[in-house]
Protein backbone atom coordinates (compact mmCIF):
# COMPACT_ATOMS: atom_id res chain seq x y z
CA MET A 1 -9.60 84.33 17.58
CA ASN A 2 -10.12 87.85 17.11
CA PHE A 3 -7.17 89.90 17.01
CA GLY A 4 -9.28 92.95 18.62
CA GLU A 5 -10.15 91.36 21.72
CA THR A 6 -6.46 90.15 21.74
CA GLY A 7 -5.07 93.27 21.90
CA SER A 8 -7.85 94.55 24.56
CA LEU A 9 -6.21 91.82 26.70
CA LEU A 10 -3.41 93.01 26.08
CA ARG A 11 -3.88 96.16 27.45
CA LEU A 12 -6.22 94.62 30.22
CA PHE A 13 -3.29 92.56 31.24
CA ALA A 14 -0.69 95.29 31.14
CA GLN A 15 -2.92 97.98 33.14
CA THR A 16 -4.82 96.10 35.63
CA SER A 17 -2.72 96.25 39.43
CA ASP A 18 -5.49 93.31 40.79
CA ALA A 19 -3.23 90.11 40.85
CA GLY A 20 -5.88 87.73 40.45
CA GLU A 21 -7.73 89.57 37.41
CA ARG A 22 -4.10 89.76 35.99
CA ASN A 23 -3.97 85.46 36.82
CA ARG A 24 -7.24 85.54 34.79
CA ILE A 25 -6.52 87.25 31.52
CA LEU A 26 -3.15 85.78 31.52
CA SER A 27 -4.70 82.32 31.39
CA ALA A 28 -6.98 83.89 29.31
CA LEU A 29 -4.45 84.84 26.11
CA LEU A 30 -2.35 81.66 26.53
CA THR A 31 -5.09 79.57 26.29
CA GLU A 32 -7.84 81.26 24.22
CA HIS A 33 -5.32 83.21 21.60
CA ALA A 34 -1.95 81.33 21.97
CA GLU A 35 -2.17 77.90 22.14
CA PRO A 36 -3.98 77.43 19.17
CA ILE A 37 -1.58 79.27 17.12
CA ILE A 38 1.35 78.07 19.21
CA SER A 39 0.32 73.99 19.06
CA LYS A 40 -0.91 73.92 15.24
CA ILE A 41 2.82 75.39 14.28
CA ILE A 42 4.30 73.13 16.30
CA ARG A 43 2.58 70.74 14.94
CA TYR A 44 3.31 71.25 11.47
CA LYS A 45 7.20 71.84 12.30
CA THR A 46 7.37 68.79 14.07
CA ARG A 47 5.20 66.80 11.45
CA GLY A 48 3.41 65.70 14.57
CA ALA A 49 6.34 64.11 16.37
CA GLN A 50 5.03 63.91 19.91
CA ASP A 51 7.37 64.04 22.36
CA ASP A 52 9.46 66.91 19.94
CA GLY A 53 6.29 69.21 20.21
CA GLU A 54 5.75 69.05 24.02
CA GLU A 55 8.41 70.06 24.69
CA ILE A 56 8.92 72.76 22.54
CA TYR A 57 5.56 73.89 23.47
CA SER A 58 6.66 74.08 27.14
CA GLU A 59 10.06 75.82 26.03
CA VAL A 60 7.63 78.83 23.37
CA MET A 61 5.07 79.31 26.90
CA LEU A 62 7.67 80.21 29.08
CA GLN A 63 9.12 82.16 26.78
CA LEU A 64 6.14 83.54 25.94
CA VAL A 65 4.97 84.22 29.52
CA GLY A 66 7.81 85.94 30.41
CA ARG A 67 7.64 88.29 27.26
CA LEU A 68 3.85 89.47 28.76
CA ARG A 69 5.66 89.75 32.21
CA ARG A 70 8.19 91.90 30.48
CA LEU A 71 5.33 94.25 28.37
CA ARG A 72 3.78 94.24 31.96
CA ILE A 73 6.50 95.57 33.86
CA TYR A 74 7.67 98.10 30.57
CA SER A 75 4.39 99.37 30.24
CA LYS A 76 3.74 100.11 34.31
CA HIS A 77 6.93 102.60 33.32
CA ALA A 78 5.86 104.28 30.41
CA ARG A 79 2.97 105.44 32.45
CA ARG A 80 5.22 106.78 35.37
CA ARG A 81 7.25 108.76 32.49
CA ARG A 82 3.73 109.91 31.32
CA ARG A 83 2.69 111.08 34.61
CA SER A 84 5.71 112.74 35.44
CA PHE A 85 5.99 114.74 32.00
CA GLY A 86 2.47 115.53 32.50
CA ARG A 87 3.25 117.63 35.82
CA PHE A 88 5.74 119.88 33.58
CA GLY A 89 2.25 120.67 31.35
CA PHE A 90 3.58 117.54 28.08
CA ASP A 91 0.40 115.89 27.45
CA GLY A 92 2.36 112.49 27.11
């Protein structure tokens, strides 16, 4: 896993306005970057108990998607604020 690539995908996810592209990036973030780490941690913590692991995995992924969507909303609002300050001569 390349953390630089993950950061680049997070920036793209937060900044893109195209819904199809955003969904493709979200899918890559989840399947290529988050899923391997989450699965490894859950297997270790549950000692391989399949039922518990699947339930925990679903909950973690649900929370992660929610946080990524909030990150995108926050990022969009932050960009608007920077543009607003730019009108007053501030370099945000």
